[in-house]
């Protein structure tokens, strides 16, 4: 959660052969120095189920992202009124980029969420992504 909220990369390209094991594993080791349960799990736990691999890190990020999306959808739903702004353009590498912005008001405060989506398919896919996102907000 710390790495995600501070926009810190979890790991590098090859952390197995490197002295630098990546931010996630380094922070986990630091927590282990101050938490006996984490330390015990890291040192004495089964090696085939350490839950520190890159796939587990990606799964944790995915679960956190889904939670954030749910919170945003709930806020937009409770706001009652919202606007969606979607725009698409090509970047210098000729890839389509889709920007998706949701604006809403919560009790005299402004809430705005901005997403940038990098679709790997045709521009039609971008519109499909935007339409599905709008459906999640509208029909949540």
N, C-alpha and C. Protein backbone atom coordinates (compact mmCIF):
# COMPACT_ATOMS: atom_id res chain seq x y z
N UNK A 1 0.83 -1.18 0.00
CA UNK A 1 0.00 0.00 0.00
C UNK A 1 0.88 1.26 0.00
N UNK A 2 1.95 1.23 0.77
CA UNK A 2 2.87 2.37 0.83
C UNK A 2 3.43 2.67 -0.55
N UNK A 3 3.92 1.65 -1.22
CA UNK A 3 4.51 1.85 -2.55
C UNK A 3 3.47 2.39 -3.53
N UNK A 4 2.26 1.87 -3.49
CA UNK A 4 1.22 2.31 -4.42
C UNK A 4 0.82 3.75 -4.16
N UNK A 5 0.61 4.13 -2.91
CA UNK A 5 0.17 5.50 -2.62
C UNK A 5 1.27 6.52 -2.86
N UNK A 6 2.52 6.11 -2.72
CA UNK A 6 3.64 7.02 -2.94
C UNK A 6 4.20 6.94 -4.36
N UNK A 7 3.54 6.12 -5.21
CA UNK A 7 3.96 5.93 -6.60
C UNK A 7 5.42 5.47 -6.69
N UNK A 8 5.75 4.51 -5.85
CA UNK A 8 7.09 3.92 -5.82
C UNK A 8 7.01 2.56 -6.52
N UNK A 9 7.91 2.30 -7.44
CA UNK A 9 7.94 1.00 -8.12
C UNK A 9 8.17 -0.10 -7.10
N UNK A 10 7.50 -1.23 -7.29
CA UNK A 10 7.67 -2.35 -6.36
C UNK A 10 8.99 -3.07 -6.56
N UNK A 11 9.39 -3.20 -7.80
CA UNK A 11 10.58 -4.00 -8.08
C UNK A 11 11.25 -3.53 -9.35
N UNK A 12 12.47 -4.03 -9.54
CA UNK A 12 13.21 -3.75 -10.76
C UNK A 12 13.01 -4.87 -11.76
N UNK A 13 13.86 -4.90 -12.77
CA UNK A 13 13.71 -5.91 -13.83
C UNK A 13 14.20 -7.28 -13.37
N UNK A 14 15.33 -7.33 -12.69
CA UNK A 14 15.90 -8.61 -12.26
C UNK A 14 16.33 -8.50 -10.80
N UNK A 15 15.43 -8.77 -9.90
CA UNK A 15 15.78 -8.62 -8.49
C UNK A 15 16.41 -9.88 -7.89
N UNK A 16 16.31 -11.02 -8.54
CA UNK A 16 16.88 -12.25 -7.99
C UNK A 16 18.40 -12.19 -7.98
N UNK A 17 19.00 -11.73 -9.07
CA UNK A 17 20.46 -11.71 -9.18
C UNK A 17 21.08 -10.43 -8.64
N UNK A 18 20.28 -9.50 -8.22
CA UNK A 18 20.77 -8.20 -7.79
C UNK A 18 20.87 -8.11 -6.27
N UNK A 19 21.76 -7.25 -5.79
CA UNK A 19 21.83 -6.97 -4.36
C UNK A 19 20.61 -6.16 -3.93
N UNK A 20 20.10 -5.34 -4.83
CA UNK A 20 18.90 -4.56 -4.57
C UNK A 20 17.69 -5.42 -4.90
N UNK A 21 16.96 -5.84 -3.90
CA UNK A 21 15.84 -6.76 -4.08
C UNK A 21 14.53 -6.06 -4.44
N UNK A 22 14.55 -4.76 -4.62
CA UNK A 22 13.33 -4.03 -4.95
C UNK A 22 12.71 -3.40 -3.72
N UNK A 23 11.89 -2.41 -3.94
CA UNK A 23 11.29 -1.65 -2.83
C UNK A 23 10.36 -2.51 -1.98
N UNK A 24 9.52 -3.32 -2.61
CA UNK A 24 8.56 -4.14 -1.87
C UNK A 24 9.27 -5.08 -0.90
N UNK A 25 10.23 -5.83 -1.40
CA UNK A 25 10.94 -6.80 -0.54
C UNK A 25 11.78 -6.10 0.53
N UNK A 26 12.36 -4.95 0.19
CA UNK A 26 13.14 -4.20 1.17
C UNK A 26 12.25 -3.66 2.28
N UNK A 27 11.10 -3.11 1.92
CA UNK A 27 10.16 -2.59 2.93
C UNK A 27 9.62 -3.75 3.76
N UNK A 28 9.33 -4.88 3.12
CA UNK A 28 8.86 -6.05 3.86
C UNK A 28 9.90 -6.51 4.87
N UNK A 29 11.18 -6.50 4.47
CA UNK A 29 12.26 -6.85 5.40
C UNK A 29 12.35 -5.87 6.56
N UNK A 30 12.15 -4.59 6.28
CA UNK A 30 12.16 -3.57 7.33
C UNK A 30 11.01 -3.79 8.31
N UNK A 31 9.84 -4.09 7.79
CA UNK A 31 8.69 -4.38 8.66
C UNK A 31 9.00 -5.62 9.50
N UNK A 32 9.66 -6.61 8.90
CA UNK A 32 10.02 -7.82 9.62
C UNK A 32 10.95 -7.57 10.79
N UNK A 33 11.78 -6.53 10.71
CA UNK A 33 12.67 -6.20 11.82
C UNK A 33 11.90 -5.68 13.03
N UNK A 34 10.69 -5.18 12.81
CA UNK A 34 9.91 -4.59 13.89
C UNK A 34 8.64 -5.38 14.22
N UNK A 35 8.36 -6.42 13.45
CA UNK A 35 7.16 -7.23 13.67
C UNK A 35 7.58 -8.70 13.67
N UNK A 36 7.45 -9.34 14.82
CA UNK A 36 7.93 -10.72 14.96
C UNK A 36 7.15 -11.70 14.08
N UNK A 37 5.88 -11.45 13.84
CA UNK A 37 5.08 -12.36 13.00
C UNK A 37 5.57 -12.32 11.56
N UNK A 38 5.80 -11.11 11.05
CA UNK A 38 6.31 -10.97 9.68
C UNK A 38 7.71 -11.57 9.58
N UNK A 39 8.55 -11.30 10.58
CA UNK A 39 9.91 -11.85 10.58
C UNK A 39 9.89 -13.37 10.58
N UNK A 40 9.02 -13.96 11.39
CA UNK A 40 8.91 -15.41 11.45
C UNK A 40 8.45 -15.99 10.12
N UNK A 41 7.49 -15.35 9.51
CA UNK A 41 6.97 -15.83 8.23
C UNK A 41 8.04 -15.75 7.14
N UNK A 42 8.80 -14.67 7.14
CA UNK A 42 9.84 -14.51 6.12
C UNK A 42 11.00 -15.49 6.31
N UNK A 43 11.37 -15.75 7.56
CA UNK A 43 12.54 -16.60 7.79
C UNK A 43 12.19 -18.09 7.90
N UNK A 44 11.06 -18.41 8.53
CA UNK A 44 10.73 -19.81 8.81
C UNK A 44 9.61 -20.37 7.94
N UNK A 45 8.96 -19.54 7.18
CA UNK A 45 7.84 -20.00 6.35
C UNK A 45 8.30 -20.89 5.22
N UNK A 46 7.38 -21.64 4.64
CA UNK A 46 7.75 -22.52 3.53
C UNK A 46 8.25 -21.71 2.33
N UNK A 47 9.32 -22.16 1.73
CA UNK A 47 9.93 -21.43 0.60
C UNK A 47 9.04 -21.46 -0.64
N UNK A 48 8.18 -22.47 -0.75
CA UNK A 48 7.32 -22.54 -1.92
C UNK A 48 6.03 -21.74 -1.74
N UNK A 49 5.88 -21.07 -0.61
CA UNK A 49 4.69 -20.25 -0.36
C UNK A 49 5.07 -19.00 0.42
N UNK A 50 6.06 -18.27 -0.07
CA UNK A 50 6.50 -17.06 0.64
C UNK A 50 5.61 -15.86 0.32
N UNK A 51 4.87 -15.93 -0.77
CA UNK A 51 3.95 -14.87 -1.19
C UNK A 51 4.65 -13.53 -1.39
N UNK A 52 5.86 -13.57 -1.92
CA UNK A 52 6.59 -12.33 -2.22
C UNK A 52 6.98 -12.25 -3.69
N UNK A 53 6.50 -13.15 -4.51
CA UNK A 53 6.87 -13.16 -5.93
C UNK A 53 6.24 -11.98 -6.67
N UNK A 54 6.71 -11.73 -7.88
CA UNK A 54 6.17 -10.62 -8.67
C UNK A 54 4.69 -10.83 -8.97
N UNK A 55 4.25 -12.08 -9.14
CA UNK A 55 2.83 -12.31 -9.44
C UNK A 55 1.96 -11.97 -8.22
N UNK A 56 2.44 -12.25 -7.03
CA UNK A 56 1.70 -11.89 -5.81
C UNK A 56 1.68 -10.37 -5.65
N UNK A 57 2.81 -9.72 -5.93
CA UNK A 57 2.86 -8.26 -5.86
C UNK A 57 1.85 -7.64 -6.82
N UNK A 58 1.78 -8.18 -8.04
CA UNK A 58 0.81 -7.68 -9.02
C UNK A 58 -0.62 -7.93 -8.56
N UNK A 59 -0.87 -9.09 -7.96
CA UNK A 59 -2.20 -9.39 -7.46
C UNK A 59 -2.60 -8.44 -6.34
N UNK A 60 -1.67 -8.13 -5.44
CA UNK A 60 -1.96 -7.16 -4.38
C UNK A 60 -2.33 -5.80 -4.96
N UNK A 61 -1.56 -5.35 -5.96
CA UNK A 61 -1.86 -4.07 -6.60
C UNK A 61 -3.23 -4.10 -7.28
N UNK A 62 -3.55 -5.21 -7.92
CA UNK A 62 -4.85 -5.35 -8.59
C UNK A 62 -5.99 -5.26 -7.57
N UNK A 63 -5.84 -5.94 -6.44
CA UNK A 63 -6.87 -5.90 -5.40
C UNK A 63 -7.03 -4.50 -4.82
N UNK A 64 -5.92 -3.81 -4.59
CA UNK A 64 -5.99 -2.44 -4.09
C UNK A 64 -6.67 -1.53 -5.11
N UNK A 65 -6.35 -1.71 -6.40
CA UNK A 65 -6.96 -0.89 -7.45
C UNK A 65 -8.47 -1.12 -7.50
N UNK A 66 -8.91 -2.36 -7.38
CA UNK A 66 -10.34 -2.65 -7.39
C UNK A 66 -11.03 -1.99 -6.20
N UNK A 67 -10.36 -1.98 -5.05
CA UNK A 67 -10.93 -1.34 -3.86
C UNK A 67 -11.06 0.17 -4.07
N UNK A 68 -10.04 0.79 -4.64
CA UNK A 68 -10.10 2.23 -4.92
C UNK A 68 -11.22 2.53 -5.91
N UNK A 69 -11.36 1.71 -6.96
CA UNK A 69 -12.43 1.92 -7.93
C UNK A 69 -13.80 1.81 -7.27
N UNK A 70 -13.96 0.87 -6.34
CA UNK A 70 -15.24 0.73 -5.64
C UNK A 70 -15.54 1.96 -4.80
N UNK A 71 -14.53 2.47 -4.10
CA UNK A 71 -14.72 3.68 -3.29
C UNK A 71 -15.14 4.85 -4.17
N UNK A 72 -14.46 5.02 -5.31
CA UNK A 72 -14.79 6.12 -6.22
C UNK A 72 -16.20 5.95 -6.76
N UNK A 73 -16.58 4.74 -7.16
CA UNK A 73 -17.93 4.50 -7.67
C UNK A 73 -18.98 4.81 -6.60
N UNK A 74 -18.71 4.42 -5.36
CA UNK A 74 -19.63 4.72 -4.26
C UNK A 74 -19.76 6.23 -4.05
N UNK A 75 -18.64 6.95 -4.10
CA UNK A 75 -18.69 8.40 -3.94
C UNK A 75 -19.48 9.06 -5.05
N UNK A 76 -19.26 8.62 -6.28
CA UNK A 76 -19.98 9.20 -7.42
C UNK A 76 -21.46 8.89 -7.31
N UNK A 77 -21.79 7.67 -6.92
CA UNK A 77 -23.19 7.28 -6.77
C UNK A 77 -23.87 8.13 -5.70
N UNK A 78 -23.19 8.35 -4.58
CA UNK A 78 -23.76 9.15 -3.49
C UNK A 78 -23.84 10.63 -3.84
N UNK A 79 -22.97 11.09 -4.73
CA UNK A 79 -23.00 12.50 -5.14
C UNK A 79 -24.26 12.82 -5.93
N UNK A 80 -24.76 11.83 -6.66
CA UNK A 80 -25.98 12.06 -7.42
C UNK A 80 -25.73 12.63 -8.80
N UNK A 81 -24.92 13.66 -8.89
CA UNK A 81 -24.61 14.29 -10.17
C UNK A 81 -23.11 14.18 -10.42
N UNK A 82 -22.77 13.91 -11.66
CA UNK A 82 -21.37 13.78 -12.03
C UNK A 82 -21.22 14.06 -13.51
N UNK A 83 -20.01 14.28 -13.92
CA UNK A 83 -19.74 14.42 -15.35
C UNK A 83 -18.56 13.52 -15.71
N UNK A 84 -18.58 13.06 -16.93
CA UNK A 84 -17.50 12.23 -17.44
C UNK A 84 -16.93 12.90 -18.68
N UNK A 85 -15.63 13.06 -18.69
CA UNK A 85 -14.93 13.66 -19.83
C UNK A 85 -13.96 12.60 -20.35
N UNK A 86 -14.06 12.28 -21.63
CA UNK A 86 -13.20 11.27 -22.24
C UNK A 86 -12.56 11.87 -23.47
N UNK A 87 -11.27 11.69 -23.61
CA UNK A 87 -10.56 12.17 -24.80
C UNK A 87 -9.49 11.15 -25.17
N UNK A 88 -9.21 11.08 -26.45
CA UNK A 88 -8.23 10.11 -26.92
C UNK A 88 -7.31 10.77 -27.93
N UNK A 89 -6.03 10.43 -27.86
CA UNK A 89 -5.08 10.94 -28.84
C UNK A 89 -3.92 9.96 -28.97
N UNK A 90 -3.09 10.18 -29.97
CA UNK A 90 -1.90 9.35 -30.16
C UNK A 90 -0.71 10.03 -29.50
N UNK A 91 0.15 9.23 -28.88
CA UNK A 91 1.37 9.79 -28.32
C UNK A 91 2.48 9.75 -29.37
N UNK A 92 3.69 10.13 -28.99
CA UNK A 92 4.79 10.18 -29.95
C UNK A 92 5.15 8.81 -30.52
N UNK A 93 4.85 7.76 -29.77
CA UNK A 93 5.13 6.40 -30.24
C UNK A 93 3.98 5.85 -31.09
N UNK A 94 3.03 6.71 -31.43
CA UNK A 94 1.87 6.33 -32.26
C UNK A 94 0.94 5.34 -31.56
N UNK A 95 0.95 5.36 -30.22
CA UNK A 95 0.02 4.53 -29.46
C UNK A 95 -1.16 5.39 -29.05
N UNK A 96 -2.34 4.80 -29.04
CA UNK A 96 -3.52 5.51 -28.60
C UNK A 96 -3.49 5.65 -27.08
N UNK A 97 -3.84 6.84 -26.60
CA UNK A 97 -3.97 7.08 -25.17
C UNK A 97 -5.37 7.61 -24.92
N UNK A 98 -5.99 7.12 -23.88
CA UNK A 98 -7.33 7.55 -23.53
C UNK A 98 -7.28 8.19 -22.15
N UNK A 99 -7.72 9.42 -22.06
CA UNK A 99 -7.84 10.05 -20.75
C UNK A 99 -9.31 10.01 -20.35
N UNK A 100 -9.55 9.69 -19.10
CA UNK A 100 -10.90 9.48 -18.59
C UNK A 100 -11.00 10.23 -17.28
N UNK A 101 -11.88 11.21 -17.21
CA UNK A 101 -12.00 12.04 -16.01
C UNK A 101 -13.43 12.00 -15.50
N UNK A 102 -13.59 11.77 -14.21
CA UNK A 102 -14.90 11.80 -13.56
C UNK A 102 -14.87 12.95 -12.57
N UNK A 103 -15.85 13.84 -12.69
CA UNK A 103 -15.95 14.96 -11.75
C UNK A 103 -17.27 14.85 -11.00
N UNK A 104 -17.22 15.10 -9.70
CA UNK A 104 -18.41 15.01 -8.88
C UNK A 104 -18.25 15.89 -7.64
N UNK A 105 -19.35 16.18 -6.98
CA UNK A 105 -19.33 17.04 -5.80
C UNK A 105 -19.82 16.24 -4.60
N UNK A 106 -19.10 16.38 -3.49
CA UNK A 106 -19.50 15.75 -2.24
C UNK A 106 -19.54 16.83 -1.16
N UNK A 107 -20.71 17.18 -0.69
CA UNK A 107 -20.93 18.12 0.41
C UNK A 107 -19.97 19.30 0.36
N UNK A 108 -20.15 20.15 -0.60
CA UNK A 108 -19.38 21.38 -0.76
C UNK A 108 -17.89 21.17 -1.00
N UNK A 109 -17.49 20.00 -1.39
CA UNK A 109 -16.09 19.77 -1.76
C UNK A 109 -16.07 19.20 -3.17
N UNK A 110 -14.99 19.45 -3.88
CA UNK A 110 -14.87 18.94 -5.24
C UNK A 110 -14.12 17.64 -5.22
N UNK A 111 -14.64 16.66 -5.90
CA UNK A 111 -13.94 15.39 -6.03
C UNK A 111 -13.71 15.13 -7.50
N UNK A 112 -12.50 14.91 -7.87
CA UNK A 112 -12.20 14.65 -9.27
C UNK A 112 -11.25 13.49 -9.38
N UNK A 113 -11.49 12.66 -10.34
CA UNK A 113 -10.64 11.49 -10.56
C UNK A 113 -10.20 11.52 -12.01
N UNK A 114 -8.92 11.33 -12.24
CA UNK A 114 -8.40 11.35 -13.60
C UNK A 114 -7.68 10.04 -13.87
N UNK A 115 -8.08 9.38 -14.92
CA UNK A 115 -7.44 8.13 -15.33
C UNK A 115 -6.77 8.34 -16.68
N UNK A 116 -5.66 7.72 -16.88
CA UNK A 116 -5.06 7.65 -18.22
C UNK A 116 -4.94 6.17 -18.55
N UNK A 117 -5.55 5.79 -19.65
CA UNK A 117 -5.58 4.40 -20.06
C UNK A 117 -4.76 4.26 -21.33
N UNK A 118 -3.91 3.25 -21.37
CA UNK A 118 -3.10 2.98 -22.56
C UNK A 118 -3.61 1.72 -23.23
N UNK A 119 -4.57 1.84 -24.11
CA UNK A 119 -5.09 0.63 -24.76
C UNK A 119 -4.08 0.05 -25.73
N UNK A 120 -4.04 -1.26 -25.79
CA UNK A 120 -3.10 -1.94 -26.67
C UNK A 120 -3.76 -2.34 -27.99
N UNK A 121 -5.03 -2.10 -28.10
CA UNK A 121 -5.76 -2.51 -29.29
C UNK A 121 -6.12 -1.30 -30.14
N UNK A 122 -7.11 -1.43 -30.96
CA UNK A 122 -7.56 -0.36 -31.83
C UNK A 122 -8.27 0.73 -31.04
N UNK A 123 -8.43 1.93 -31.61
CA UNK A 123 -9.14 3.01 -30.92
C UNK A 123 -10.55 2.61 -30.49
N UNK A 124 -11.18 1.70 -31.20
CA UNK A 124 -12.52 1.25 -30.82
C UNK A 124 -12.49 0.64 -29.43
N UNK A 125 -11.41 -0.04 -29.10
CA UNK A 125 -11.27 -0.62 -27.77
C UNK A 125 -11.29 0.46 -26.70
N UNK A 126 -10.71 1.61 -26.98
CA UNK A 126 -10.68 2.70 -26.02
C UNK A 126 -12.09 3.18 -25.71
N UNK A 127 -12.90 3.31 -26.74
CA UNK A 127 -14.28 3.73 -26.54
C UNK A 127 -15.05 2.68 -25.75
N UNK A 128 -14.75 1.42 -26.00
CA UNK A 128 -15.40 0.34 -25.25
C UNK A 128 -15.03 0.43 -23.77
N UNK A 129 -13.76 0.70 -23.47
CA UNK A 129 -13.31 0.85 -22.08
C UNK A 129 -14.04 2.00 -21.41
N UNK A 130 -14.14 3.14 -22.10
CA UNK A 130 -14.83 4.31 -21.54
C UNK A 130 -16.30 4.00 -21.31
N UNK A 131 -16.94 3.32 -22.25
CA UNK A 131 -18.36 2.98 -22.12
C UNK A 131 -18.58 2.05 -20.93
N UNK A 132 -17.71 1.05 -20.77
CA UNK A 132 -17.84 0.13 -19.64
C UNK A 132 -17.62 0.86 -18.32
N UNK A 133 -16.68 1.79 -18.28
CA UNK A 133 -16.43 2.56 -17.06
C UNK A 133 -17.64 3.41 -16.71
N UNK A 134 -18.24 4.03 -17.73
CA UNK A 134 -19.44 4.84 -17.48
C UNK A 134 -20.55 3.96 -16.95
N UNK A 135 -20.69 2.76 -17.50
CA UNK A 135 -21.72 1.84 -17.03
C UNK A 135 -21.52 1.44 -15.58
N UNK A 136 -20.27 1.26 -15.16
CA UNK A 136 -20.01 0.90 -13.77
C UNK A 136 -20.44 2.02 -12.84
N UNK A 137 -20.18 3.28 -13.25
CA UNK A 137 -20.56 4.40 -12.40
C UNK A 137 -22.07 4.57 -12.39
N UNK A 138 -22.67 4.56 -13.56
CA UNK A 138 -24.09 4.85 -13.68
C UNK A 138 -24.96 3.76 -13.06
N UNK A 139 -24.59 2.52 -13.27
CA UNK A 139 -25.46 1.42 -12.86
C UNK A 139 -24.91 0.62 -11.70
N UNK A 140 -24.05 1.21 -10.91
CA UNK A 140 -23.43 0.49 -9.79
C UNK A 140 -24.48 0.03 -8.81
